[in-house]
Amino acid sequence: MSVGKMAKPSRPGTAIHEKGQRRVEEILDAAVRVLIEEGYGLFTMRRIAEEADIRLSNLQYYFKSKEDLLNALLKRTVDDYNAALSNVTSNRAGTPKAQFQRMIEYLLKDQGEKASCLIFWELWALAGRDPSIAGIMNSYYDAYLEKMAGAIRSVSPQMPKRRSQRHAGVIVALIEGASLFRGFGKPRRSSLSGYERAILELCDRLASESIRDR
């Protein structure tokens, strides 16, 4: 998913009217560009106002602090990502196994997106220092794990719920960790040739109970 490119819900607060809602989205789009292209070190209210082509006072009308803006940006990113995953998993075409495979393929393909990789790498780093960001990220991963566990149970209805949750945790950790080797801008290592196919096969085995935990 290209972050910030999906349809977005209205934001609460000062953006009550359509014009205000549009302005909030323009500000958040500008904030995404600054965070991705320049990093958190240059993620300042003044720099974001400049990127959005508005006055600092206008920006502060919608977001009183950098923390408020960052939390709104994170919430939009997480909401968009959850919506994308829901869209993939709600597609009823094909067998449950085919739907599960599409979900895994989508997640792996998304790792090639510059925006997706860079913004999540920044957010992971920030979550280690900011409890509010950590809380939002934890909620995102809770929803992510539940979607994955549900997809696994669709493939293997006989699998106990607790086991599907454990297998979902392994799959999510595997996919998220894979971005360190195959995410946007990462060098392609000849020693990892076939890495993606191995991930797909392992995920299939975890979903079909070919791998049994104790």
C-alpha atoms as a PDB file:
ATOM      1  CA  MET A   1       0.000   0.000   0.000  1.00  0.00           C
ATOM      2  CA  SER A   2       1.247   3.437  -0.856  1.00  0.00           C
ATOM      3  CA  VAL A   3       0.871   5.348   2.407  1.00  0.00           C
ATOM      4  CA  GLY A   4      -1.553   8.247   2.239  1.00  0.00           C
ATOM      5  CA  LYS A   5      -2.947   7.370  -1.195  1.00  0.00           C
ATOM      6  CA  MET A   6      -6.100   5.591  -0.050  1.00  0.00           C
ATOM      7  CA  ALA A   7      -9.467   7.160   0.754  1.00  0.00           C
ATOM      8  CA  LYS A   8      -9.256   8.534   4.262  1.00  0.00           C
ATOM      9  CA  PRO A   9     -11.875   9.160   6.950  1.00  0.00           C
ATOM     10  CA  SER A  10     -12.612  12.620   8.322  1.00  0.00           C
ATOM     11  CA  ARG A  11     -10.525  13.661  11.284  1.00  0.00           C
ATOM     12  CA  PRO A  12     -12.115  14.876  14.532  1.00  0.00           C
ATOM     13  CA  GLY A  13     -11.363  18.254  16.066  1.00  0.00           C
ATOM     14  CA  THR A  14     -11.193  21.533  14.200  1.00  0.00           C
ATOM     15  CA  ALA A  15     -11.709  20.027  10.749  1.00  0.00           C
ATOM     16  CA  ILE A  16     -15.507  19.978  10.939  1.00  0.00           C
ATOM     17  CA  HIS A  17     -16.306  21.268   7.456  1.00  0.00           C
ATOM     18  CA  GLU A  18     -15.242  19.752   4.154  1.00  0.00           C
ATOM     19  CA  LYS A  19     -12.662  22.471   3.535  1.00  0.00           C
ATOM     20  CA  GLY A  20     -11.130  21.892   6.949  1.00  0.00           C
ATOM     21  CA  GLN A  21     -11.047  18.150   6.366  1.00  0.00           C
ATOM     22  CA  ARG A  22      -9.249  18.671   3.059  1.00  0.00           C
ATOM     23  CA  ARG A  23      -6.745  20.943   4.779  1.00  0.00           C
ATOM     24  CA  VAL A  24      -6.046  18.334   7.450  1.00  0.00           C
ATOM     25  CA  GLU A  25      -5.394  15.696   4.774  1.00  0.00           C
ATOM     26  CA  GLU A  26      -3.083  18.083   2.888  1.00  0.00           C
ATOM     27  CA  ILE A  27      -1.153  18.731   6.107  1.00  0.00           C
ATOM     28  CA  LEU A  28      -0.863  15.006   6.825  1.00  0.00           C
ATOM     29  CA  ASP A  29       0.283  14.360   3.240  1.00  0.00           C
ATOM     30  CA  ALA A  30       2.975  17.015   3.710  1.00  0.00           C
ATOM     31  CA  ALA A  31       3.972  15.476   7.043  1.00  0.00           C
ATOM     32  CA  VAL A  32       4.333  12.064   5.386  1.00  0.00           C
ATOM     33  CA  ARG A  33       6.625  13.540   2.722  1.00  0.00           C
ATOM     34  CA  VAL A  34       8.832  15.194   5.324  1.00  0.00           C
ATOM     35  CA  LEU A  35       9.025  12.073   7.490  1.00  0.00           C
ATOM     36  CA  ILE A  36       9.829   9.812   4.541  1.00  0.00           C
ATOM     37  CA  GLU A  37      12.199  12.049   2.604  1.00  0.00           C
ATOM     38  CA  GLU A  38      13.947  13.875   5.445  1.00  0.00           C
ATOM     39  CA  GLY A  39      13.446  11.756   8.557  1.00  0.00           C
ATOM     40  CA  TYR A  40      12.222  12.536  12.040  1.00  0.00           C
ATOM     41  CA  GLY A  41      15.186  14.813  12.729  1.00  0.00           C
ATOM     42  CA  LEU A  42      13.685  17.426  10.373  1.00  0.00           C
ATOM     43  CA  PHE A  43      10.077  16.671  11.297  1.00  0.00           C
ATOM     44  CA  THR A  44       9.286  20.097  12.727  1.00  0.00           C
ATOM     45  CA  MET A  45       6.096  22.145  12.664  1.00  0.00           C
ATOM     46  CA  ARG A  46       7.842  24.900  10.708  1.00  0.00           C
ATOM     47  CA  ARG A  47       9.189  22.476   8.090  1.00  0.00           C
ATOM     48  CA  ILE A  48       5.795  20.793   7.675  1.00  0.00           C
ATOM     49  CA  ALA A  49       4.037  24.155   7.322  1.00  0.00           C
ATOM     50  CA  GLU A  50       6.549  25.040   4.623  1.00  0.00           C
ATOM     51  CA  GLU A  51       5.961  21.731   2.833  1.00  0.00           C
ATOM     52  CA  ALA A  52       2.182  22.224   3.042  1.00  0.00           C
ATOM     53  CA  ASP A  53       2.582  25.818   1.783  1.00  0.00           C
ATOM     54  CA  ILE A  54       0.726  27.309   4.738  1.00  0.00           C
ATOM     55  CA  ARG A  55       1.643  29.588   7.622  1.00  0.00           C
ATOM     56  CA  LEU A  56       2.861  28.054  10.872  1.00  0.00           C
ATOM     57  CA  SER A  57      -0.074  29.636  12.709  1.00  0.00           C
ATOM     58  CA  ASN A  58      -2.462  27.968  10.265  1.00  0.00           C
ATOM     59  CA  LEU A  59      -0.854  24.594  10.905  1.00  0.00           C
ATOM     60  CA  GLN A  60      -1.125  25.152  14.664  1.00  0.00           C
ATOM     61  CA  TYR A  61      -4.827  25.873  14.281  1.00  0.00           C
ATOM     62  CA  TYR A  62      -5.304  22.235  13.265  1.00  0.00           C
ATOM     63  CA  PHE A  63      -2.480  20.662  15.274  1.00  0.00           C
ATOM     64  CA  LYS A  64      -1.284  22.442  18.389  1.00  0.00           C
ATOM     65  CA  SER A  65       1.962  20.480  18.667  1.00  0.00           C
ATOM     66  CA  LYS A  66       4.258  18.193  16.737  1.00  0.00           C
ATOM     67  CA  GLU A  67       3.117  15.336  18.971  1.00  0.00           C
ATOM     68  CA  ASP A  68      -0.537  15.920  18.008  1.00  0.00           C
ATOM     69  CA  LEU A  69       0.408  15.957  14.333  1.00  0.00           C
ATOM     70  CA  LEU A  70       2.542  12.827  14.584  1.00  0.00           C
ATOM     71  CA  ASN A  71      -0.193  10.925  16.384  1.00  0.00           C
ATOM     72  CA  ALA A  72      -2.754  11.933  13.724  1.00  0.00           C
ATOM     73  CA  LEU A  73      -0.305  10.850  11.016  1.00  0.00           C
ATOM     74  CA  LEU A  74       0.294   7.519  12.716  1.00  0.00           C
ATOM     75  CA  LYS A  75      -3.424   6.900  13.191  1.00  0.00           C
ATOM     76  CA  ARG A  76      -4.102   7.610   9.514  1.00  0.00           C
ATOM     77  CA  THR A  77      -1.281   5.307   8.433  1.00  0.00           C
ATOM     78  CA  VAL A  78      -2.517   2.499  10.674  1.00  0.00           C
ATOM     79  CA  ASP A  79      -6.156   3.005   9.609  1.00  0.00           C
ATOM     80  CA  ASP A  80      -5.148   2.924   5.932  1.00  0.00           C
ATOM     81  CA  TYR A  81      -3.074  -0.203   6.395  1.00  0.00           C
ATOM     82  CA  ASN A  82      -5.825  -1.981   8.317  1.00  0.00           C
ATOM     83  CA  ALA A  83      -8.287  -1.041   5.558  1.00  0.00           C
ATOM     84  CA  ALA A  84      -5.930  -2.427   2.914  1.00  0.00           C
ATOM     85  CA  LEU A  85      -5.557  -5.728   4.778  1.00  0.00           C
ATOM     86  CA  SER A  86      -9.326  -5.951   5.280  1.00  0.00           C
ATOM     87  CA  ASN A  87      -9.839  -5.372   1.563  1.00  0.00           C
ATOM     88  CA  VAL A  88      -7.441  -8.171   0.677  1.00  0.00           C
ATOM     89  CA  THR A  89      -8.918 -10.629   3.180  1.00  0.00           C
ATOM     90  CA  SER A  90     -12.540  -9.794   2.301  1.00  0.00           C
ATOM     91  CA  ASN A  91     -12.066 -10.774  -1.353  1.00  0.00           C
ATOM     92  CA  ARG A  92     -14.030 -14.035  -1.559  1.00  0.00           C
ATOM     93  CA  ALA A  93     -12.706 -15.151  -4.943  1.00  0.00           C
ATOM     94  CA  GLY A  94     -10.942 -18.512  -4.886  1.00  0.00           C
ATOM     95  CA  THR A  95     -10.397 -21.023  -2.108  1.00  0.00           C
ATOM     96  CA  PRO A  96      -9.472 -19.963   1.443  1.00  0.00           C
ATOM     97  CA  LYS A  97      -5.916 -21.097   0.704  1.00  0.00           C
ATOM     98  CA  ALA A  98      -5.793 -18.919  -2.442  1.00  0.00           C
ATOM     99  CA  GLN A  99      -7.093 -15.948  -0.434  1.00  0.00           C
ATOM    100  CA  PHE A 100      -4.452 -16.554   2.245  1.00  0.00           C
ATOM    101  CA  GLN A 101      -1.716 -16.715  -0.382  1.00  0.00           C
ATOM    102  CA  ARG A 102      -2.923 -13.413  -1.891  1.00  0.00           C
ATOM    103  CA  MET A 103      -2.666 -11.827   1.541  1.00  0.00           C
ATOM    104  CA  ILE A 104       0.928 -12.993   2.012  1.00  0.00           C
ATOM    105  CA  GLU A 105       1.865 -11.967  -1.537  1.00  0.00           C
ATOM    106  CA  TYR A 106       0.340  -8.512  -0.974  1.00  0.00           C
ATOM    107  CA  LEU A 107       2.323  -8.009   2.238  1.00  0.00           C
ATOM    108  CA  LEU A 108       5.581  -9.070   0.584  1.00  0.00           C
ATOM    109  CA  LYS A 109       4.943  -6.913  -2.475  1.00  0.00           C
ATOM    110  CA  ASP A 110       4.210  -3.900  -0.287  1.00  0.00           C
ATOM    111  CA  GLN A 111       7.734  -4.135   1.118  1.00  0.00           C
ATOM    112  CA  GLY A 112       8.969  -2.811  -2.205  1.00  0.00           C
ATOM    113  CA  GLU A 113       7.025   0.432  -1.670  1.00  0.00           C
ATOM    114  CA  LYS A 114       9.275   3.272  -0.574  1.00  0.00           C
ATOM    115  CA  ALA A 115       6.601   5.037   1.481  1.00  0.00           C
ATOM    116  CA  SER A 116       5.479   1.906   3.312  1.00  0.00           C
ATOM    117  CA  CYS A 117       8.982   0.844   4.304  1.00  0.00           C
ATOM    118  CA  LEU A 118      10.393   4.218   5.283  1.00  0.00           C
ATOM    119  CA  ILE A 119       7.424   5.351   7.335  1.00  0.00           C
ATOM    120  CA  PHE A 120       7.206   2.081   9.271  1.00  0.00           C
ATOM    121  CA  TRP A 121      10.945   2.013   9.926  1.00  0.00           C
ATOM    122  CA  GLU A 122      10.646   5.539  11.348  1.00  0.00           C
ATOM    123  CA  LEU A 123       7.614   4.575  13.433  1.00  0.00           C
ATOM    124  CA  TRP A 124       9.310   1.487  14.851  1.00  0.00           C
ATOM    125  CA  ALA A 125      12.175   3.668  16.040  1.00  0.00           C
ATOM    126  CA  LEU A 126       9.827   6.284  17.517  1.00  0.00           C
ATOM    127  CA  ALA A 127       7.722   3.649  19.300  1.00  0.00           C
ATOM    128  CA  GLY A 128      10.760   2.734  21.380  1.00  0.00           C
ATOM    129  CA  ARG A 129      10.820   6.258  22.840  1.00  0.00           C
ATOM    130  CA  ASP A 130       7.207   7.430  22.816  1.00  0.00           C
ATOM    131  CA  PRO A 131       4.572   5.469  24.814  1.00  0.00           C
ATOM    132  CA  SER A 132       1.649   6.988  22.879  1.00  0.00           C
ATOM    133  CA  ILE A 133       3.117   5.900  19.537  1.00  0.00           C
ATOM    134  CA  ALA A 134       3.958   2.506  21.008  1.00  0.00           C
ATOM    135  CA  GLY A 135       0.322   2.147  22.085  1.00  0.00           C
ATOM    136  CA  ILE A 136      -1.008   2.903  18.609  1.00  0.00           C
ATOM    137  CA  MET A 137       1.502   0.535  17.030  1.00  0.00           C
ATOM    138  CA  ASN A 138       0.535  -2.194  19.511  1.00  0.00           C
ATOM    139  CA  SER A 139      -3.124  -1.756  18.575  1.00  0.00           C
ATOM    140  CA  TYR A 140      -2.204  -1.990  14.892  1.00  0.00           C
ATOM    141  CA  TYR A 141      -0.280  -5.225  15.410  1.00  0.00           C
ATOM    142  CA  ASP A 142      -3.114  -6.676  17.525  1.00  0.00           C
ATOM    143  CA  ALA A 143      -5.492  -6.118  14.583  1.00  0.00           C
ATOM    144  CA  TYR A 144      -2.884  -7.430  12.125  1.00  0.00           C
ATOM    145  CA  LEU A 145      -2.414 -10.621  14.174  1.00  0.00           C
ATOM    146  CA  GLU A 146      -6.159 -11.175  14.428  1.00  0.00           C
ATOM    147  CA  LYS A 147      -6.603 -10.813  10.651  1.00  0.00           C
ATOM    148  CA  MET A 148      -3.767 -13.262  10.072  1.00  0.00           C
ATOM    149  CA  ALA A 149      -5.138 -15.764  12.594  1.00  0.00           C
ATOM    150  CA  GLY A 150      -8.576 -15.514  10.975  1.00  0.00           C
ATOM    151  CA  ALA A 151      -7.070 -16.172   7.547  1.00  0.00           C
ATOM    152  CA  ILE A 152      -5.259 -19.220   8.953  1.00  0.00           C
ATOM    153  CA  ARG A 153      -8.477 -20.619  10.454  1.00  0.00           C
ATOM    154  CA  SER A 154     -10.192 -20.164   7.081  1.00  0.00           C
ATOM    155  CA  VAL A 155      -7.525 -22.421   5.566  1.00  0.00           C
ATOM    156  CA  SER A 156      -7.591 -24.877   8.486  1.00  0.00           C
ATOM    157  CA  PRO A 157     -10.962 -24.666  10.277  1.00  0.00           C
ATOM    158  CA  GLN A 158      -9.978 -27.538  12.563  1.00  0.00           C
ATOM    159  CA  MET A 159      -6.989 -25.640  13.957  1.00  0.00           C
ATOM    160  CA  PRO A 160      -7.510 -24.552  17.589  1.00  0.00           C
ATOM    161  CA  LYS A 161      -7.802 -20.780  17.995  1.00  0.00           C
ATOM    162  CA  ARG A 162      -4.787 -20.526  20.291  1.00  0.00           C
ATOM    163  CA  ARG A 163      -2.603 -22.405  17.808  1.00  0.00           C
ATOM    164  CA  SER A 164      -3.771 -20.206  14.924  1.00  0.00           C
ATOM    165  CA  GLN A 165      -2.812 -17.147  16.980  1.00  0.00           C
ATOM    166  CA  ARG A 166       0.657 -18.556  17.652  1.00  0.00           C
ATOM    167  CA  HIS A 167       1.152 -19.395  13.981  1.00  0.00           C
ATOM    168  CA  ALA A 168      -0.083 -15.908  13.061  1.00  0.00           C
ATOM    169  CA  GLY A 169       2.581 -14.437  15.342  1.00  0.00           C
ATOM    170  CA  VAL A 170       5.280 -16.445  13.594  1.00  0.00           C
ATOM    171  CA  ILE A 171       4.064 -15.379  10.152  1.00  0.00           C
ATOM    172  CA  VAL A 172       3.773 -11.680  11.058  1.00  0.00           C
ATOM    173  CA  ALA A 173       7.241 -11.704  12.634  1.00  0.00           C
ATOM    174  CA  LEU A 174       8.631 -13.479   9.571  1.00  0.00           C
ATOM    175  CA  ILE A 175       7.119 -10.987   7.135  1.00  0.00           C
ATOM    176  CA  GLU A 176       7.984  -7.884   9.163  1.00  0.00           C
ATOM    177  CA  GLY A 177      11.538  -9.101   9.688  1.00  0.00           C
ATOM    178  CA  ALA A 178      11.891  -9.859   5.998  1.00  0.00           C
ATOM    179  CA  SER A 179      11.763  -6.124   5.277  1.00  0.00           C
ATOM    180  CA  LEU A 180      15.258  -5.861   6.782  1.00  0.00           C
ATOM    181  CA  PHE A 181      16.585  -7.921   3.869  1.00  0.00           C
ATOM    182  CA  ARG A 182      14.159  -7.235   1.024  1.00  0.00           C
ATOM    183  CA  GLY A 183      12.539  -3.901   1.882  1.00  0.00           C
ATOM    184  CA  PHE A 184      12.789  -0.804  -0.300  1.00  0.00           C
ATOM    185  CA  GLY A 185      16.384   0.125  -1.074  1.00  0.00           C
ATOM    186  CA  LYS A 186      17.911  -2.987   0.456  1.00  0.00           C
ATOM    187  CA  PRO A 187      20.680  -4.719  -1.501  1.00  0.00           C
ATOM    188  CA  ARG A 188      19.690  -7.993  -3.117  1.00  0.00           C
ATOM    189  CA  ARG A 189      21.934 -10.711  -1.676  1.00  0.00           C
ATOM    190  CA  SER A 190      22.739 -13.646  -3.924  1.00  0.00           C
ATOM    191  CA  SER A 191      22.869 -15.839  -0.800  1.00  0.00           C
ATOM    192  CA  LEU A 192      19.138 -15.139  -0.304  1.00  0.00           C
ATOM    193  CA  SER A 193      18.043 -16.153  -3.786  1.00  0.00           C
ATOM    194  CA  GLY A 194      14.604 -17.775  -3.481  1.00  0.00           C
ATOM    195  CA  TYR A 195      14.016 -16.102  -0.107  1.00  0.00           C
ATOM    196  CA  GLU A 196      10.521 -14.901  -1.007  1.00  0.00           C
ATOM    197  CA  ARG A 197       9.458 -18.328  -2.257  1.00  0.00           C
ATOM    198  CA  ALA A 198      10.735 -19.863   0.975  1.00  0.00           C
ATOM    199  CA  ILE A 199       8.642 -17.404   2.983  1.00  0.00           C
ATOM    200  CA  LEU A 200       5.526 -18.228   0.956  1.00  0.00           C
ATOM    201  CA  GLU A 201       6.076 -21.963   1.401  1.00  0.00           C
ATOM    202  CA  LEU A 202       6.682 -21.641   5.136  1.00  0.00           C
ATOM    203  CA  CYS A 203       3.540 -19.508   5.553  1.00  0.00           C
ATOM    204  CA  ASP A 204       1.530 -22.114   3.632  1.00  0.00           C
ATOM    205  CA  ARG A 205       2.812 -24.838   5.947  1.00  0.00           C
ATOM    206  CA  LEU A 206       1.990 -22.802   9.059  1.00  0.00           C
ATOM    207  CA  ALA A 207      -1.529 -22.159   7.774  1.00  0.00           C
ATOM    208  CA  SER A 208      -2.162 -25.798   6.843  1.00  0.00           C
ATOM    209  CA  GLU A 209      -0.770 -27.318  10.054  1.00  0.00           C
ATOM    210  CA  SER A 210       2.133 -28.949   8.244  1.00  0.00           C
ATOM    211  CA  ILE A 211       4.162 -27.443  11.073  1.00  0.00           C
ATOM    212  CA  ARG A 212       2.884 -28.436  14.525  1.00  0.00           C
ATOM    213  CA  ASP A 213       3.892 -26.639  17.687  1.00  0.00           C
ATOM    214  CA  ARG A 214       3.701 -28.149  21.166  1.00  0.00           C
END
